[in-house]
C-alpha atoms as a PDB file:
ATOM      1  CA  MET A   1     -22.799   1.026  18.873  1.00  0.00           C
ATOM      2  CA  ALA A   2     -21.258   0.552  15.608  1.00  0.00           C
ATOM      3  CA  GLU A   3     -17.848  -1.389  15.447  1.00  0.00           C
ATOM      4  CA  SER A   4     -14.866   0.073  13.857  1.00  0.00           C
ATOM      5  CA  THR A   5     -13.040  -1.475  11.169  1.00  0.00           C
ATOM      6  CA  SER A   6      -9.772   0.510  10.764  1.00  0.00           C
ATOM      7  CA  GLU A   7      -6.780  -0.610  11.940  1.00  0.00           C
ATOM      8  CA  ALA A   8      -3.322   1.356  12.830  1.00  0.00           C
ATOM      9  CA  GLN A   9      -1.533   0.362   9.978  1.00  0.00           C
ATOM     10  CA  PRO A  10       2.001  -0.992  11.049  1.00  0.00           C
ATOM     11  CA  ARG A  11       5.668   0.593  10.501  1.00  0.00           C
ATOM     12  CA  MET A  12       6.420  -1.935   8.593  1.00  0.00           C
ATOM     13  CA  ALA A  13       4.196  -5.197   6.643  1.00  0.00           C
ATOM     14  CA  SER A  14       4.938  -7.448   4.172  1.00  0.00           C
ATOM     15  CA  TYR A  15       1.452  -8.299   2.020  1.00  0.00           C
ATOM     16  CA  ASN A  16       1.472 -11.848  -0.176  1.00  0.00           C
ATOM     17  CA  CYS A  17      -0.528 -11.157  -3.492  1.00  0.00           C
ATOM     18  CA  ALA A  18      -2.080 -12.748  -6.030  1.00  0.00           C
ATOM     19  CA  GLY A  19       0.612 -15.567  -8.030  1.00  0.00           C
ATOM     20  CA  GLY A  20       2.496 -15.438  -5.171  1.00  0.00           C
ATOM     21  CA  ALA A  21       4.031 -12.070  -5.393  1.00  0.00           C
ATOM     22  CA  LEU A  22       5.622 -10.157  -1.979  1.00  0.00           C
ATOM     23  CA  VAL A  23       4.879  -6.345  -1.188  1.00  0.00           C
ATOM     24  CA  THR A  24       6.910  -4.800   1.929  1.00  0.00           C
ATOM     25  CA  VAL A  25       5.180  -1.330   2.865  1.00  0.00           C
ATOM     26  CA  GLU A  26       7.292   0.923   5.142  1.00  0.00           C
ATOM     27  CA  ASN A  27       4.863   3.550   6.218  1.00  0.00           C
ATOM     28  CA  PHE A  28       5.487   7.096   7.609  1.00  0.00           C
ATOM     29  CA  GLY A  29       2.184   8.217   7.942  1.00  0.00           C
ATOM     30  CA  SER A  30       2.411  11.032   5.215  1.00  0.00           C
ATOM     31  CA  SER A  31       4.571   8.968   2.397  1.00  0.00           C
ATOM     32  CA  VAL A  32       4.981   4.839   2.465  1.00  0.00           C
ATOM     33  CA  HIS A  33       7.954   3.246   0.897  1.00  0.00           C
ATOM     34  CA  VAL A  34       7.542   0.328  -1.000  1.00  0.00           C
ATOM     35  CA  VAL A  35       9.100  -2.402  -2.525  1.00  0.00           C
ATOM     36  CA  GLY A  36       7.000  -4.317  -5.012  1.00  0.00           C
ATOM     37  CA  PRO A  37       6.755  -8.006  -5.672  1.00  0.00           C
ATOM     38  CA  GLU A  38       9.928  -7.387  -8.780  1.00  0.00           C
ATOM     39  CA  GLY A  39      12.031  -5.600  -6.492  1.00  0.00           C
ATOM     40  CA  GLU A  40      11.171  -2.053  -7.812  1.00  0.00           C
ATOM     41  CA  SER A  41      11.132   0.714  -5.184  1.00  0.00           C
ATOM     42  CA  LEU A  42       7.974   3.759  -4.966  1.00  0.00           C
ATOM     43  CA  ASP A  43       8.022   6.286  -2.032  1.00  0.00           C
ATOM     44  CA  LEU A  44       5.014   7.779  -2.502  1.00  0.00           C
ATOM     45  CA  PRO A  45       2.989  10.459  -0.476  1.00  0.00           C
ATOM     46  CA  ALA A  46      -0.076  10.672   0.956  1.00  0.00           C
ATOM     47  CA  SER A  47      -2.504  11.581  -1.898  1.00  0.00           C
ATOM     48  CA  PRO A  48      -4.144  13.902  -0.678  1.00  0.00           C
ATOM     49  CA  ALA A  49      -1.673  14.995   2.144  1.00  0.00           C
ATOM     50  CA  THR A  50      -4.243  14.444   4.586  1.00  0.00           C
ATOM     51  CA  GLN A  51      -4.855  11.247   3.983  1.00  0.00           C
ATOM     52  CA  ARG A  52      -3.610   7.745   5.959  1.00  0.00           C
ATOM     53  CA  ASN A  53      -4.381   4.943   3.124  1.00  0.00           C
ATOM     54  CA  ARG A  54      -4.452   6.586   0.113  1.00  0.00           C
ATOM     55  CA  TYR A  55      -0.362   7.084  -1.470  1.00  0.00           C
ATOM     56  CA  GLY A  56       0.183   7.729  -4.708  1.00  0.00           C
ATOM     57  CA  GLU A  57       2.460   9.813  -7.476  1.00  0.00           C
ATOM     58  CA  GLY A  58       2.073   9.906 -11.397  1.00  0.00           C
ATOM     59  CA  SER A  59       0.506   6.402 -12.466  1.00  0.00           C
ATOM     60  CA  ASP A  60       1.919   4.816  -9.063  1.00  0.00           C
ATOM     61  CA  ALA A  61      -0.453   3.992  -6.117  1.00  0.00           C
ATOM     62  CA  ILE A  62      -1.168   2.271  -2.824  1.00  0.00           C
ATOM     63  CA  VAL A  63      -4.479   1.949  -1.191  1.00  0.00           C
ATOM     64  CA  ILE A  64      -4.012   0.096   2.316  1.00  0.00           C
ATOM     65  CA  GLU A  65      -7.370  -0.984   4.265  1.00  0.00           C
ATOM     66  CA  GLY A  66      -7.055  -3.234   7.259  1.00  0.00           C
ATOM     67  CA  ARG A  67      -5.333  -5.721   6.196  1.00  0.00           C
ATOM     68  CA  GLU A  68      -5.491  -5.485   2.571  1.00  0.00           C
ATOM     69  CA  ALA A  69      -3.306  -3.216  -0.061  1.00  0.00           C
ATOM     70  CA  LEU A  70      -4.184  -2.631  -3.405  1.00  0.00           C
ATOM     71  CA  LEU A  71      -1.119  -1.773  -5.758  1.00  0.00           C
ATOM     72  CA  MET A  72      -1.060  -0.203  -9.355  1.00  0.00           C
ATOM     73  CA  GLN A  73       1.563   0.329 -11.120  1.00  0.00           C
ATOM     74  CA  ARG A  74       1.998   2.089 -14.745  1.00  0.00           C
ATOM     75  CA  GLY A  75       1.955  -1.181 -17.133  1.00  0.00           C
ATOM     76  CA  HIS A  76       0.884  -3.563 -14.471  1.00  0.00           C
ATOM     77  CA  GLU A  77      -1.982  -4.658 -13.625  1.00  0.00           C
ATOM     78  CA  PRO A  78      -3.797  -3.937 -10.316  1.00  0.00           C
ATOM     79  CA  LEU A  79      -2.252  -6.068  -7.985  1.00  0.00           C
ATOM     80  CA  THR A  80      -4.433  -7.014  -4.563  1.00  0.00           C
ATOM     81  CA  CYS A  81      -2.202  -8.234  -1.424  1.00  0.00           C
ATOM     82  CA  MET A  82      -3.130  -8.758   2.038  1.00  0.00           C
ATOM     83  CA  ARG A  83      -0.866  -9.027   5.531  1.00  0.00           C
END
């Protein structure tokens, strides 16, 4: 039997990112509230709506896989983070 690599995401999590940046994610299931490394707030819906690890709108998105998060924002390099 194959071992599952998926793990339930916590309601609130902090992620340490490259360069010492910190990203906080509050997970509501069908959407997330992200506080980015510069203190900016993003409210992102699941994309597509049935997803529970990909959230995005316009040029902003976050992908959460296990303990890793990839944050993509307009005008910034993608940021890989770990919790």
